[in-house]
N, C-alpha and C. Protein backbone atom coordinates (compact mmCIF):
# COMPACT_ATOMS: atom_id res chain seq x y z
N UNK A 1 85.98 95.68 137.81
CA UNK A 1 86.70 96.73 137.12
C UNK A 1 87.00 96.26 135.71
N UNK A 2 86.80 97.13 134.73
CA UNK A 2 87.05 96.80 133.34
C UNK A 2 88.53 96.98 133.04
N UNK A 3 89.12 95.99 132.40
CA UNK A 3 90.53 96.07 132.01
C UNK A 3 90.65 96.83 130.70
N UNK A 4 91.78 97.50 130.53
CA UNK A 4 92.01 98.18 129.26
C UNK A 4 92.32 97.14 128.19
N UNK A 5 92.16 97.53 126.94
CA UNK A 5 92.44 96.62 125.83
C UNK A 5 93.91 96.21 125.84
N UNK A 6 94.79 97.10 126.26
CA UNK A 6 96.22 96.78 126.34
C UNK A 6 96.47 95.66 127.34
N UNK A 7 95.83 95.75 128.51
CA UNK A 7 96.01 94.71 129.52
C UNK A 7 95.46 93.37 129.05
N UNK A 8 94.31 93.41 128.42
CA UNK A 8 93.71 92.17 127.92
C UNK A 8 94.60 91.54 126.86
N UNK A 9 95.08 92.35 125.92
CA UNK A 9 95.93 91.81 124.84
C UNK A 9 97.26 91.31 125.40
N UNK A 10 97.82 92.00 126.40
CA UNK A 10 99.06 91.52 127.01
C UNK A 10 98.84 90.13 127.62
N UNK A 11 97.74 89.95 128.33
CA UNK A 11 97.44 88.65 128.93
C UNK A 11 97.22 87.59 127.86
N UNK A 12 96.51 87.96 126.80
CA UNK A 12 96.22 87.01 125.72
C UNK A 12 97.51 86.59 125.02
N UNK A 13 98.38 87.54 124.72
CA UNK A 13 99.63 87.21 124.03
C UNK A 13 100.55 86.39 124.91
N UNK A 14 100.63 86.73 126.19
CA UNK A 14 101.46 85.93 127.11
C UNK A 14 100.96 84.50 127.18
N UNK A 15 99.64 84.33 127.26
CA UNK A 15 99.08 82.98 127.31
C UNK A 15 99.36 82.23 126.01
N UNK A 16 99.30 82.93 124.87
CA UNK A 16 99.56 82.29 123.58
C UNK A 16 101.03 81.84 123.48
N UNK A 17 101.94 82.67 123.96
CA UNK A 17 103.36 82.30 123.91
C UNK A 17 103.62 81.09 124.80
N UNK A 18 103.05 81.11 125.98
CA UNK A 18 103.24 79.97 126.89
C UNK A 18 102.63 78.71 126.29
N UNK A 19 101.45 78.80 125.69
CA UNK A 19 100.84 77.64 125.05
C UNK A 19 101.71 77.12 123.91
N UNK A 20 102.31 78.03 123.14
CA UNK A 20 103.19 77.62 122.04
C UNK A 20 104.44 76.91 122.54
N UNK A 21 105.04 77.43 123.60
CA UNK A 21 106.23 76.77 124.18
C UNK A 21 105.87 75.40 124.73
N UNK A 22 104.73 75.32 125.39
CA UNK A 22 104.30 74.01 125.92
C UNK A 22 104.03 73.04 124.78
N UNK A 23 103.48 73.52 123.67
CA UNK A 23 103.23 72.65 122.52
C UNK A 23 104.55 72.17 121.93
N UNK A 24 105.58 73.03 121.88
CA UNK A 24 106.90 72.60 121.42
C UNK A 24 107.47 71.52 122.32
N UNK A 25 107.34 71.71 123.63
CA UNK A 25 107.86 70.72 124.58
C UNK A 25 107.11 69.41 124.48
N UNK A 26 105.78 69.50 124.33
CA UNK A 26 104.98 68.27 124.22
C UNK A 26 105.30 67.52 122.92
N UNK A 27 105.54 68.27 121.84
CA UNK A 27 105.85 67.65 120.56
C UNK A 27 107.20 66.94 120.57
N UNK A 28 108.10 67.38 121.44
CA UNK A 28 109.42 66.77 121.53
C UNK A 28 109.42 65.54 122.43
N UNK A 29 108.33 65.29 123.11
CA UNK A 29 108.18 64.13 124.00
C UNK A 29 109.30 64.07 125.05
N UNK A 30 109.65 65.24 125.57
CA UNK A 30 110.62 65.30 126.65
C UNK A 30 112.07 65.24 126.23
N UNK A 31 112.36 65.22 124.95
CA UNK A 31 113.74 65.16 124.48
C UNK A 31 114.25 66.58 124.22
N UNK A 32 115.24 67.04 125.01
CA UNK A 32 115.68 68.43 124.89
C UNK A 32 116.33 68.74 123.54
N UNK A 33 116.97 67.78 122.90
CA UNK A 33 117.59 68.06 121.60
C UNK A 33 116.54 68.40 120.54
N UNK A 34 115.39 67.75 120.61
CA UNK A 34 114.34 68.01 119.63
C UNK A 34 113.73 69.40 119.87
N UNK A 35 113.58 69.75 121.16
CA UNK A 35 113.07 71.10 121.47
C UNK A 35 114.04 72.15 120.93
N UNK A 36 115.33 71.94 121.15
CA UNK A 36 116.34 72.89 120.66
C UNK A 36 116.31 72.97 119.14
N UNK A 37 116.14 71.84 118.47
CA UNK A 37 116.08 71.84 117.00
C UNK A 37 114.85 72.60 116.51
N UNK A 38 113.69 72.36 117.14
CA UNK A 38 112.46 73.03 116.72
C UNK A 38 112.53 74.53 116.97
N UNK A 39 113.11 74.93 118.09
CA UNK A 39 113.21 76.36 118.40
C UNK A 39 114.19 77.04 117.45
N UNK A 40 115.31 76.38 117.16
CA UNK A 40 116.29 76.99 116.27
C UNK A 40 115.79 77.06 114.82
N UNK A 41 114.78 76.29 114.47
CA UNK A 41 114.21 76.34 113.12
C UNK A 41 113.26 77.52 112.94
N UNK A 42 112.88 78.19 114.02
CA UNK A 42 111.96 79.33 113.94
C UNK A 42 112.78 80.59 113.68
N UNK A 43 112.38 81.35 112.68
CA UNK A 43 113.05 82.60 112.32
C UNK A 43 111.99 83.61 111.91
N UNK A 44 112.36 84.88 111.64
CA UNK A 44 111.35 85.91 111.35
C UNK A 44 110.46 85.61 110.14
N UNK A 45 110.93 84.82 109.19
CA UNK A 45 110.12 84.52 108.00
C UNK A 45 109.33 83.22 108.13
N UNK A 46 109.30 82.65 109.30
CA UNK A 46 108.56 81.40 109.50
C UNK A 46 107.07 81.69 109.47
N UNK A 47 106.34 80.93 108.67
CA UNK A 47 104.89 81.07 108.64
C UNK A 47 104.28 80.06 109.60
N UNK A 48 103.00 80.21 109.84
CA UNK A 48 102.32 79.30 110.76
C UNK A 48 102.40 77.87 110.24
N UNK A 49 102.30 77.69 108.94
CA UNK A 49 102.32 76.34 108.36
C UNK A 49 103.70 75.69 108.44
N UNK A 50 104.76 76.46 108.71
CA UNK A 50 106.10 75.89 108.87
C UNK A 50 106.33 75.34 110.27
N UNK A 51 105.47 75.68 111.20
CA UNK A 51 105.63 75.25 112.58
C UNK A 51 105.15 73.81 112.75
N UNK A 52 105.62 73.15 113.81
CA UNK A 52 105.12 71.79 114.07
C UNK A 52 103.60 71.79 114.28
N UNK A 53 102.98 70.66 114.00
CA UNK A 53 101.52 70.55 114.04
C UNK A 53 100.95 70.91 115.42
N UNK A 54 101.62 70.51 116.47
CA UNK A 54 101.14 70.82 117.82
C UNK A 54 101.13 72.32 118.09
N UNK A 55 102.12 73.02 117.59
CA UNK A 55 102.18 74.47 117.77
C UNK A 55 101.09 75.13 116.94
N UNK A 56 100.82 74.63 115.74
CA UNK A 56 99.75 75.17 114.92
C UNK A 56 98.41 75.05 115.64
N UNK A 57 98.16 73.90 116.23
CA UNK A 57 96.91 73.70 116.97
C UNK A 57 96.85 74.62 118.19
N UNK A 58 97.98 74.82 118.86
CA UNK A 58 98.01 75.71 120.02
C UNK A 58 97.72 77.16 119.60
N UNK A 59 98.24 77.57 118.46
CA UNK A 59 97.98 78.93 117.96
C UNK A 59 96.50 79.08 117.62
N UNK A 60 95.92 78.10 116.94
CA UNK A 60 94.50 78.17 116.60
C UNK A 60 93.64 78.27 117.86
N UNK A 61 93.97 77.48 118.87
CA UNK A 61 93.22 77.52 120.12
C UNK A 61 93.42 78.85 120.84
N UNK A 62 94.63 79.40 120.78
CA UNK A 62 94.90 80.69 121.42
C UNK A 62 94.10 81.81 120.76
N UNK A 63 93.96 81.75 119.45
CA UNK A 63 93.18 82.77 118.74
C UNK A 63 91.71 82.69 119.17
N UNK A 64 91.16 81.49 119.21
CA UNK A 64 89.77 81.34 119.66
C UNK A 64 89.60 81.84 121.09
N UNK A 65 90.54 81.50 121.95
CA UNK A 65 90.48 81.93 123.34
C UNK A 65 90.59 83.45 123.45
N UNK A 66 91.46 84.05 122.62
CA UNK A 66 91.65 85.50 122.67
C UNK A 66 90.36 86.23 122.31
N UNK A 67 89.68 85.79 121.26
CA UNK A 67 88.44 86.46 120.88
C UNK A 67 87.36 86.26 121.93
N UNK A 68 87.29 85.06 122.52
CA UNK A 68 86.31 84.82 123.58
C UNK A 68 86.61 85.71 124.78
N UNK A 69 87.88 85.87 125.10
CA UNK A 69 88.25 86.70 126.25
C UNK A 69 87.93 88.17 125.99
N UNK A 70 88.21 88.65 124.78
CA UNK A 70 87.87 90.04 124.46
C UNK A 70 86.37 90.28 124.58
N UNK A 71 85.56 89.33 124.08
CA UNK A 71 84.11 89.47 124.19
C UNK A 71 83.68 89.46 125.65
N UNK A 72 84.30 88.59 126.44
CA UNK A 72 83.95 88.48 127.86
C UNK A 72 84.29 89.77 128.60
N UNK A 73 85.36 90.43 128.23
CA UNK A 73 85.76 91.68 128.87
C UNK A 73 84.93 92.87 128.41
N UNK A 74 84.05 92.66 127.41
CA UNK A 74 83.16 93.72 126.98
C UNK A 74 83.58 94.43 125.71
N UNK A 75 84.61 93.95 125.05
CA UNK A 75 85.04 94.57 123.80
C UNK A 75 84.28 93.96 122.64
N UNK A 76 84.03 94.76 121.61
CA UNK A 76 83.30 94.30 120.45
C UNK A 76 84.26 93.64 119.47
N UNK A 77 83.93 92.44 119.08
CA UNK A 77 84.72 91.70 118.10
C UNK A 77 83.76 91.39 116.96
N UNK A 78 84.03 91.98 115.79
CA UNK A 78 83.13 91.84 114.65
C UNK A 78 83.58 90.70 113.75
N UNK A 79 82.62 90.07 113.10
CA UNK A 79 82.92 89.06 112.11
C UNK A 79 83.56 89.72 110.90
N UNK A 80 84.37 88.99 110.16
CA UNK A 80 85.10 89.59 109.05
C UNK A 80 84.17 90.12 107.95
N UNK A 81 83.04 89.53 107.72
CA UNK A 81 82.14 89.97 106.67
C UNK A 81 81.25 91.14 107.09
N UNK A 82 81.17 91.43 108.38
CA UNK A 82 80.26 92.48 108.84
C UNK A 82 80.89 93.86 108.88
N UNK A 83 82.19 93.96 108.67
CA UNK A 83 82.88 95.25 108.73
C UNK A 83 83.08 95.77 107.31
N UNK A 84 82.66 97.02 107.07
CA UNK A 84 82.84 97.62 105.75
C UNK A 84 84.27 98.14 105.62
N UNK A 85 84.85 98.03 104.44
CA UNK A 85 86.19 98.59 104.25
C UNK A 85 86.14 100.11 104.35
N UNK A 86 87.27 100.75 104.69
CA UNK A 86 87.27 102.21 104.80
C UNK A 86 86.97 102.88 103.45
N UNK A 87 86.38 104.05 103.52
CA UNK A 87 86.01 104.79 102.31
C UNK A 87 87.26 105.33 101.65
N UNK A 88 87.30 105.28 100.31
CA UNK A 88 88.40 105.85 99.54
C UNK A 88 87.89 107.05 98.77
N UNK A 89 88.81 107.90 98.39
CA UNK A 89 88.42 109.01 97.54
C UNK A 89 88.04 108.46 96.17
N UNK A 90 86.98 108.97 95.60
CA UNK A 90 86.51 108.48 94.31
C UNK A 90 87.41 109.04 93.21
N UNK A 91 88.11 108.17 92.50
CA UNK A 91 89.05 108.60 91.47
C UNK A 91 88.32 109.14 90.24
N UNK A 92 87.05 108.80 90.06
CA UNK A 92 86.33 109.26 88.88
C UNK A 92 85.81 110.69 89.03
N UNK A 93 85.84 111.23 90.23
CA UNK A 93 85.34 112.58 90.47
C UNK A 93 86.41 113.59 90.05
N UNK A 94 86.05 114.63 89.31
CA UNK A 94 87.05 115.61 88.87
C UNK A 94 87.55 116.43 90.06
N UNK A 95 88.80 116.93 89.99
CA UNK A 95 89.32 117.74 91.09
C UNK A 95 88.57 119.07 91.18
N UNK A 96 88.64 119.69 92.33
CA UNK A 96 87.96 120.96 92.53
C UNK A 96 88.62 122.04 91.68
N UNK A 97 87.81 122.97 91.21
CA UNK A 97 88.31 124.02 90.32
C UNK A 97 89.24 124.98 91.05
N UNK A 98 89.07 125.13 92.35
CA UNK A 98 89.88 126.08 93.10
C UNK A 98 91.18 125.48 93.63
N UNK A 99 91.43 124.23 93.37
CA UNK A 99 92.65 123.59 93.85
C UNK A 99 92.37 122.69 95.03
N UNK A 100 93.37 121.97 95.49
CA UNK A 100 93.15 120.98 96.54
C UNK A 100 92.83 121.59 97.89
N UNK A 101 93.24 122.83 98.13
CA UNK A 101 93.00 123.44 99.44
C UNK A 101 91.83 124.41 99.45
N UNK A 102 91.10 124.49 98.36
CA UNK A 102 89.95 125.37 98.30
C UNK A 102 90.32 126.72 97.73
N UNK A 103 89.35 127.63 97.68
CA UNK A 103 89.62 128.94 97.10
C UNK A 103 90.53 129.76 98.01
N UNK A 104 91.26 130.69 97.40
CA UNK A 104 92.11 131.57 98.19
C UNK A 104 91.24 132.53 98.96
N UNK A 105 91.64 132.87 100.18
CA UNK A 105 90.80 133.76 100.99
C UNK A 105 90.65 135.16 100.38
N UNK A 106 91.64 135.61 99.61
CA UNK A 106 91.55 136.94 99.04
C UNK A 106 90.83 136.95 97.69
N UNK A 107 90.38 135.79 97.21
CA UNK A 107 89.62 135.70 95.97
C UNK A 107 90.47 135.75 94.72
N UNK A 108 91.76 135.84 94.84
CA UNK A 108 92.63 135.90 93.68
C UNK A 108 92.94 134.51 93.16
N UNK A 109 93.41 134.46 91.92
CA UNK A 109 93.84 133.19 91.36
C UNK A 109 95.35 133.27 91.15
N UNK A 110 95.96 132.13 90.87
CA UNK A 110 97.39 132.11 90.64
C UNK A 110 98.12 131.50 91.83
N UNK A 111 99.44 131.57 91.79
CA UNK A 111 100.20 130.94 92.87
C UNK A 111 99.96 131.64 94.20
N UNK A 112 100.02 130.88 95.26
CA UNK A 112 99.82 131.43 96.59
C UNK A 112 101.08 132.16 97.06
N UNK A 113 100.94 133.13 97.92
CA UNK A 113 102.11 133.82 98.44
C UNK A 113 103.04 132.84 99.16
N UNK A 114 104.32 133.04 99.00
CA UNK A 114 105.29 132.16 99.65
C UNK A 114 105.64 130.97 98.80
N UNK A 115 105.08 130.90 97.57
CA UNK A 115 105.39 129.79 96.68
C UNK A 115 106.76 129.95 96.07
N UNK A 116 107.14 129.05 95.17
CA UNK A 116 108.48 129.11 94.59
C UNK A 116 108.79 130.42 93.90
N UNK A 117 107.78 131.05 93.25
CA UNK A 117 108.05 132.29 92.55
C UNK A 117 108.26 133.46 93.53
N UNK A 118 107.81 133.34 94.76
CA UNK A 118 107.99 134.38 95.76
C UNK A 118 109.35 134.28 96.45
N UNK A 119 110.05 133.16 96.28
CA UNK A 119 111.29 132.93 97.00
C UNK A 119 112.52 133.36 96.20
N UNK A 120 112.36 134.04 95.12
CA UNK A 120 113.49 134.47 94.31
C UNK A 120 114.10 135.73 94.94
N UNK A 121 115.33 135.98 94.59
CA UNK A 121 115.99 137.17 95.11
C UNK A 121 116.75 136.87 96.39
N UNK A 122 117.31 137.90 96.99
CA UNK A 122 118.12 137.67 98.18
C UNK A 122 117.26 137.26 99.37
N UNK A 123 117.90 136.66 100.33
CA UNK A 123 117.22 136.29 101.57
C UNK A 123 116.91 137.55 102.37
N UNK A 124 116.02 137.44 103.34
CA UNK A 124 115.72 138.62 104.16
C UNK A 124 116.95 139.19 104.88
N UNK A 125 117.96 138.34 105.14
CA UNK A 125 119.16 138.85 105.81
C UNK A 125 120.16 139.44 104.83
N UNK A 126 119.82 139.52 103.51
CA UNK A 126 120.67 140.13 102.52
C UNK A 126 121.62 139.18 101.83
N UNK A 127 121.74 137.95 102.29
CA UNK A 127 122.63 136.97 101.68
C UNK A 127 121.97 136.40 100.43
N UNK A 128 122.77 136.11 99.37
CA UNK A 128 122.17 135.50 98.16
C UNK A 128 121.75 134.06 98.43
N UNK A 129 120.74 133.64 97.71
CA UNK A 129 120.28 132.26 97.84
C UNK A 129 121.22 131.34 97.08
N UNK A 130 121.42 130.10 97.57
CA UNK A 130 122.27 129.16 96.84
C UNK A 130 121.63 128.78 95.51
N UNK A 131 122.45 128.58 94.49
CA UNK A 131 121.88 128.29 93.18
C UNK A 131 121.86 126.80 92.87
N UNK A 132 122.63 126.00 93.57
CA UNK A 132 122.70 124.57 93.29
C UNK A 132 121.66 123.79 94.06
N UNK A 133 121.82 122.45 94.05
CA UNK A 133 120.88 121.63 94.82
C UNK A 133 120.99 121.93 96.30
N UNK A 134 119.92 121.63 97.02
CA UNK A 134 119.84 121.98 98.44
C UNK A 134 120.76 121.15 99.31
N UNK A 135 121.10 119.98 98.90
CA UNK A 135 121.94 119.12 99.73
C UNK A 135 121.70 117.67 99.38
N UNK A 136 122.35 116.77 100.08
CA UNK A 136 122.17 115.35 99.76
C UNK A 136 120.77 114.89 100.11
N UNK A 137 120.26 113.99 99.30
CA UNK A 137 118.95 113.39 99.57
C UNK A 137 119.12 112.35 100.66
N UNK A 138 118.13 112.23 101.47
CA UNK A 138 118.20 111.26 102.57
C UNK A 138 117.33 110.10 102.28
């Protein structure tokens, strides 16, 4: 049975976390104070290069294992140079003459119905429209 990509990634990440914890414990050589110091030094802005050398090696090995596992499960893993970047809109091309949404269905030019110039006057319920700002910005 083929596993979903979510299941494979969950297994890969769990294995990577366990490998990282084991690398922290091995780096401390069984001393709990050193493990506590190394764990407390990890924070959200910690980069891979800030981690102990053993943990860096464990992360590198986990990445290699993750890609091998994805390939083994039948998922395509492309090399970084073989994937083309997504297409962007060409900034040198002039905008369309009919506007960004194309020509109007009735063939007329000018503002579309329901635009700001159509919203003047009283509301459909007869109440006047407010004249000031609409409210606080969020």
